[in-house]
Amino acid sequence: MVDLQTAMAAAAADRQKRLDKTAADRKKRRSGADLGIERFDPVNHVAKEKAETASMWFVLAYAVVVALLNRHMLMGWVGAGEGFLLWFLPIGMLIFLPGLHRAVMPESFVEHYKPGTWVKAGFLHTFTFLAFSFLLVNPPFGDVTAASLDGAWDVAVIDADGALVLASDSDDAVDMDGDGFSWTTEDGVLHGSAWVMFTLTDNHEVSENDVQVFVSSNAGSDKVEPVEVVPDAFTNLSRSDAEHRWFLVPIGDDLVEGRWTITVDIEEQGSPWVNTRVYEWHIDVIDERA
């Protein structure tokens, strides 16, 4: 048996526990130190924003300087064959950003820099360097690539009657994945005069590219002079097309069975190095009797 006084005391204690628990829950739902949330300080916030802005401009300037040094010094020293170093070394220079910040920035700014600051600075440096480098290696500031093939190359064969047959349109010609053409003939001879046709294009002055063509076969290798032409569509223009050059290369008459290799060497004095490019194509003449 429980007397009335004991029951009332137990009920009061239970009610007090419930009130204490409710108060604690309400306290946790409020913003404050218990939740790890700092109280907003306007002065500190303004100082932090100034420090972050100063860091942004410093990293932008640093990335521009690195891009200029890379373009005017490192590229000339390393050369075109070391592409890995030309992007790895400049981007790797982001490791100096924390030390440079501490050396250049005032102490009032440095105290606001956290690990997240260096992550943001690293991304900003990387993309700023890449953007400026792209501008500096393309005209009018630079030129690091030689002229390239515009479209596909082709072969023309002029027979004794003066008829023109394009290899890509000929029923007896086989395209070897863009690297060459193959003809199967009845007697092992490609009758007529064979010519290779191609067009070069460049993002700068394509006329500054030196083009040399070599033709080799089982009989040896010879340098041939390509014939530069201008299509009829441009003959009536007051100015020439500065971005394209059209070439016809004489391969020979009545090509016999075997492989004929056409090598096109392109060289240009670019900036900061000499630009080169090589194309190699094949013409195969096959005797169907073999």
Protein backbone atom coordinates (compact mmCIF):
# COMPACT_ATOMS: atom_id res chain seq x y z
CA MET A 1 0.00 0.00 0.00
CA VAL A 2 1.24 3.52 -0.88
CA ASP A 3 -0.06 6.40 1.09
CA LEU A 4 -1.32 9.58 -0.52
CA GLN A 5 1.68 11.71 0.44
CA THR A 6 4.20 9.29 -1.10
CA ALA A 7 2.16 9.05 -4.35
CA MET A 8 1.97 12.82 -4.66
CA ALA A 9 5.73 13.18 -4.11
CA ALA A 10 6.47 10.58 -6.81
CA ALA A 11 4.13 12.30 -9.27
CA ALA A 12 5.76 15.67 -8.62
CA ALA A 13 9.24 14.22 -9.18
CA ASP A 14 8.15 12.59 -12.45
CA ARG A 15 6.59 15.84 -13.64
CA GLN A 16 9.80 17.74 -12.86
CA LYS A 17 11.86 15.25 -14.88
CA ARG A 18 9.56 15.72 -17.88
CA LEU A 19 9.85 19.50 -17.62
CA ASP A 20 13.66 19.33 -17.41
CA LYS A 21 13.78 17.06 -20.49
CA THR A 22 11.50 19.37 -22.49
CA ALA A 23 13.63 22.40 -21.60
CA ALA A 24 16.79 20.58 -22.68
CA ASP A 25 15.23 19.62 -26.04
CA ARG A 26 14.18 23.20 -26.67
CA LYS A 27 17.67 24.42 -25.87
CA LYS A 28 19.22 22.00 -28.41
CA ARG A 29 16.86 23.18 -31.14
CA ARG A 30 18.04 26.77 -30.70
CA SER A 31 21.15 28.14 -32.43
CA GLY A 32 24.06 28.61 -30.10
CA ALA A 33 27.31 27.30 -28.75
CA ASP A 34 25.75 23.95 -27.86
CA LEU A 35 25.36 23.23 -31.59
CA GLY A 36 28.88 24.36 -32.56
CA ILE A 37 27.55 27.45 -34.36
CA GLU A 38 29.57 30.58 -33.88
CA ARG A 39 27.78 33.75 -33.09
CA PHE A 40 27.75 36.14 -36.07
CA ASP A 41 30.39 38.83 -35.77
CA PRO A 42 30.00 41.53 -38.47
CA VAL A 43 33.50 42.91 -37.95
CA ASN A 44 35.13 39.49 -38.23
CA HIS A 45 33.00 38.67 -41.28
CA VAL A 46 34.13 41.82 -43.11
CA ALA A 47 37.77 41.12 -42.26
CA LYS A 48 37.45 37.55 -43.56
CA GLU A 49 35.87 38.71 -46.83
CA LYS A 50 38.69 41.23 -47.35
CA ALA A 51 41.29 38.51 -46.74
CA GLU A 52 39.59 36.14 -49.21
CA THR A 53 39.34 38.87 -51.87
CA ALA A 54 43.01 39.79 -51.46
CA SER A 55 43.91 36.10 -51.81
CA MET A 56 41.87 35.80 -55.01
CA TRP A 57 43.61 38.72 -56.71
CA PHE A 58 47.00 37.54 -55.52
CA VAL A 59 46.44 34.05 -56.99
CA LEU A 60 45.20 35.52 -60.28
CA ALA A 61 48.31 37.69 -60.58
CA TYR A 62 50.54 34.75 -59.61
CA ALA A 63 48.96 32.50 -62.27
CA VAL A 64 49.41 35.18 -64.95
CA VAL A 65 53.10 35.59 -64.05
CA VAL A 66 53.60 31.81 -64.15
CA ALA A 67 51.90 31.63 -67.57
CA LEU A 68 54.14 34.41 -68.93
CA LEU A 69 57.29 32.75 -67.59
CA ASN A 70 56.18 29.44 -69.04
CA ARG A 71 55.54 30.98 -72.46
CA HIS A 72 58.64 33.16 -72.77
CA MET A 73 61.22 31.11 -70.85
CA LEU A 74 60.32 27.50 -70.09
CA MET A 75 58.88 26.68 -73.52
CA GLY A 76 62.03 27.95 -75.22
CA TRP A 77 64.30 25.95 -72.91
CA VAL A 78 62.37 22.69 -72.84
CA GLY A 79 61.19 22.51 -76.44
CA ALA A 80 58.17 20.99 -78.14
CA GLY A 81 58.94 17.39 -77.21
CA GLU A 82 58.43 17.78 -73.45
CA GLY A 83 54.73 18.54 -73.22
CA PHE A 84 54.42 16.90 -69.79
CA LEU A 85 56.88 19.32 -68.19
CA LEU A 86 55.27 22.33 -69.85
CA TRP A 87 52.04 21.86 -67.92
CA PHE A 88 53.17 19.87 -64.87
CA LEU A 89 55.84 22.30 -63.66
CA PRO A 90 53.71 25.49 -63.87
CA ILE A 91 50.66 23.86 -62.29
CA GLY A 92 52.90 22.25 -59.64
CA MET A 93 53.95 25.75 -58.56
CA LEU A 94 50.69 26.01 -56.64
CA ILE A 95 52.53 24.35 -53.74
CA PHE A 96 54.21 27.73 -53.10
CA LEU A 97 50.90 29.55 -52.60
CA PRO A 98 50.61 29.07 -48.79
CA GLY A 99 54.17 30.24 -48.18
CA LEU A 100 53.78 33.23 -50.51
CA HIS A 101 50.57 34.24 -48.79
CA ARG A 102 52.26 34.21 -45.40
CA ALA A 103 55.21 36.20 -46.78
CA VAL A 104 53.22 38.82 -48.69
CA MET A 105 49.88 39.19 -46.97
CA PRO A 106 49.50 41.17 -43.69
CA GLU A 107 49.06 39.16 -40.50
CA SER A 108 45.49 40.36 -40.17
CA PHE A 109 44.69 38.53 -43.43
CA VAL A 110 46.78 35.42 -42.82
CA GLU A 111 44.91 34.56 -39.61
CA HIS A 112 41.74 34.06 -41.68
CA TYR A 113 43.29 31.58 -44.12
CA LYS A 114 42.28 27.97 -43.51
CA PRO A 115 42.96 24.70 -45.40
CA GLY A 116 39.91 25.42 -47.54
CA THR A 117 41.59 28.61 -48.71
CA TRP A 118 44.47 26.67 -50.25
CA VAL A 119 42.10 24.29 -52.02
CA LYS A 120 40.27 27.20 -53.65
CA ALA A 121 43.56 28.91 -54.47
CA GLY A 122 44.86 25.73 -56.14
CA PHE A 123 41.82 25.45 -58.41
CA LEU A 124 41.94 29.15 -59.26
CA HIS A 125 45.64 28.98 -60.12
CA THR A 126 45.21 25.90 -62.31
CA PHE A 127 42.36 27.18 -64.44
CA THR A 128 43.75 30.71 -64.71
CA PHE A 129 47.11 29.35 -65.88
CA LEU A 130 45.46 27.10 -68.48
CA ALA A 131 43.30 29.93 -69.82
CA PHE A 132 46.17 32.40 -70.19
CA SER A 133 48.48 29.76 -71.64
CA PHE A 134 45.90 28.98 -74.32
CA LEU A 135 45.87 32.65 -75.30
CA LEU A 136 49.65 33.01 -75.28
CA VAL A 137 50.42 30.03 -77.55
CA ASN A 138 47.92 30.97 -80.27
CA PRO A 139 48.07 33.85 -82.76
CA PRO A 140 48.74 36.68 -82.47
CA PHE A 141 50.87 35.94 -79.38
CA GLY A 142 52.35 32.61 -80.46
CA ASP A 143 52.20 29.70 -82.89
CA VAL A 144 53.07 26.17 -81.74
CA THR A 145 51.59 23.98 -84.49
CA ALA A 146 52.41 23.52 -88.14
CA ALA A 147 49.83 23.45 -90.91
CA SER A 148 47.54 20.42 -90.91
CA LEU A 149 45.55 18.49 -93.48
CA ASP A 150 42.20 20.09 -94.22
CA GLY A 151 39.78 17.28 -94.92
CA ALA A 152 40.98 14.15 -96.73
CA TRP A 153 43.72 13.60 -99.27
CA ASP A 154 42.93 11.93 -102.58
CA VAL A 155 44.49 10.39 -105.66
CA ALA A 156 43.71 11.34 -109.25
CA VAL A 157 44.63 9.20 -112.24
CA ILE A 158 44.53 10.68 -115.72
CA ASP A 159 44.41 8.01 -118.39
CA ALA A 160 45.58 8.22 -121.99
CA ASP A 161 42.27 9.70 -123.09
CA GLY A 162 42.50 12.49 -120.54
CA ALA A 163 39.76 11.05 -118.33
CA LEU A 164 40.04 11.85 -114.62
CA VAL A 165 39.24 9.16 -112.04
CA LEU A 166 39.19 9.96 -108.32
CA ALA A 167 40.33 7.06 -106.15
CA SER A 168 37.57 7.54 -103.61
CA ASP A 169 34.95 7.32 -106.36
CA SER A 170 36.51 4.51 -108.36
CA ASP A 171 34.89 1.08 -108.28
CA ASP A 172 38.23 -0.74 -108.28
CA ALA A 173 39.89 1.41 -105.57
CA VAL A 174 39.88 0.40 -101.91
CA ASP A 175 40.31 3.02 -99.17
CA MET A 176 42.69 1.70 -96.46
CA ASP A 177 41.26 3.61 -93.48
CA GLY A 178 42.52 6.97 -94.72
CA ASP A 179 46.18 5.88 -94.85
CA GLY A 180 46.15 4.87 -98.49
CA PHE A 181 44.38 3.48 -101.52
CA SER A 182 44.69 0.09 -103.16
CA TRP A 183 44.06 -0.71 -106.83
CA THR A 184 43.71 -4.16 -108.30
CA THR A 185 44.52 -4.17 -112.01
CA GLU A 186 44.39 -6.82 -114.70
CA ASP A 187 48.05 -6.56 -115.68
CA GLY A 188 49.68 -5.14 -112.52
CA VAL A 189 49.99 -1.62 -113.96
CA LEU A 190 48.00 1.47 -112.99
CA HIS A 191 47.74 3.00 -116.43
CA GLY A 192 47.83 6.76 -116.64
CA SER A 193 49.41 9.62 -114.74
CA ALA A 194 48.90 9.47 -110.95
CA TRP A 195 48.61 12.60 -108.82
CA VAL A 196 48.09 13.10 -105.08
CA MET A 197 45.85 16.00 -104.05
CA PHE A 198 45.65 17.57 -100.58
CA THR A 199 44.89 20.85 -98.83
CA LEU A 200 46.71 22.35 -95.87
CA THR A 201 45.27 24.79 -93.37
CA ASP A 202 46.79 26.78 -90.52
CA ASN A 203 45.49 29.11 -87.82
CA HIS A 204 48.12 31.68 -88.82
CA GLU A 205 49.84 32.31 -92.17
CA VAL A 206 49.77 28.98 -93.96
CA SER A 207 52.17 30.38 -96.57
CA GLU A 208 54.96 30.38 -93.95
CA ASN A 209 54.99 26.56 -93.93
CA ASP A 210 57.70 24.86 -95.97
CA VAL A 211 56.24 21.76 -97.65
CA GLN A 212 58.44 18.96 -99.01
CA VAL A 213 57.16 15.76 -100.58
CA PHE A 214 59.04 12.47 -101.04
CA VAL A 215 57.83 9.50 -103.08
CA SER A 216 59.37 6.08 -102.47
CA SER A 217 58.83 2.63 -103.92
CA ASN A 218 60.78 -0.57 -104.46
CA ALA A 219 62.99 1.39 -106.86
CA GLY A 220 64.04 3.93 -104.23
CA SER A 221 63.01 7.34 -102.90
CA ASP A 222 62.83 10.66 -104.74
CA LYS A 223 61.97 14.19 -103.74
CA VAL A 224 59.25 15.67 -105.93
CA GLU A 225 58.13 19.26 -106.25
CA PRO A 226 54.47 19.72 -105.36
CA VAL A 227 52.44 21.95 -107.63
CA GLU A 228 50.57 24.63 -105.70
CA VAL A 229 47.23 25.56 -107.23
CA VAL A 230 44.32 27.88 -106.51
CA PRO A 231 40.80 26.51 -107.05
CA ASP A 232 38.58 28.24 -109.58
CA ALA A 233 36.37 29.50 -106.75
CA PHE A 234 39.18 31.82 -105.59
CA THR A 235 40.56 33.05 -108.91
CA ASN A 236 38.18 36.02 -109.03
CA LEU A 237 38.73 37.13 -105.46
CA SER A 238 40.69 40.31 -104.76
CA ARG A 239 42.64 38.53 -102.02
CA SER A 240 43.87 34.96 -101.59
CA ASP A 241 42.78 32.54 -98.88
CA ALA A 242 45.49 33.02 -96.24
CA GLU A 243 44.42 29.93 -94.27
CA HIS A 244 44.58 27.29 -97.05
CA ARG A 245 47.05 25.96 -99.61
CA TRP A 246 46.12 23.43 -102.30
CA PHE A 247 48.70 21.01 -103.70
CA LEU A 248 49.00 18.53 -106.56
CA VAL A 249 51.89 16.07 -106.34
CA PRO A 250 52.97 14.07 -109.43
CA ILE A 251 53.60 10.44 -108.45
CA GLY A 252 54.47 9.01 -111.86
CA ASP A 253 53.13 7.42 -115.01
CA ASP A 254 51.93 3.82 -115.25
CA LEU A 255 52.65 2.78 -111.69
CA VAL A 256 53.67 -0.86 -111.56
CA GLU A 257 52.74 -3.47 -109.00
CA GLY A 258 53.96 -2.66 -105.48
CA ARG A 259 53.58 -0.02 -102.77
CA TRP A 260 54.19 3.65 -103.40
CA THR A 261 54.71 5.76 -100.26
CA ILE A 262 54.09 9.51 -100.23
CA THR A 263 55.69 11.42 -97.33
CA VAL A 264 54.77 15.06 -96.71
CA ASP A 265 57.15 16.97 -94.43
CA ILE A 266 55.82 20.29 -93.13
CA GLU A 267 58.04 22.76 -91.28
CA GLU A 268 57.35 26.25 -89.98
CA GLN A 269 59.27 28.72 -87.87
CA GLY A 270 56.70 29.22 -85.17
CA SER A 271 56.90 30.95 -81.82
CA PRO A 272 58.69 29.96 -79.63
CA TRP A 273 59.92 26.87 -81.53
CA VAL A 274 60.04 25.29 -84.98
CA ASN A 275 56.76 23.54 -85.78
CA THR A 276 56.83 20.27 -87.69
CA ARG A 277 54.30 17.75 -88.95
CA VAL A 278 54.65 14.63 -91.09
CA TYR A 279 52.03 12.78 -93.13
CA GLU A 280 52.62 9.41 -94.78
CA TRP A 281 50.24 7.81 -97.28
CA HIS A 282 50.34 4.72 -99.46
CA ILE A 283 49.23 3.69 -102.93
CA ASP A 284 49.17 -0.06 -103.56
CA VAL A 285 49.00 -1.49 -107.05
CA ILE A 286 47.96 -5.16 -107.04
CA ASP A 287 48.05 -7.62 -109.93
CA GLU A 288 44.83 -9.62 -109.85
CA ARG A 289 46.65 -12.51 -111.60
CA ALA A 290 48.91 -13.01 -108.58
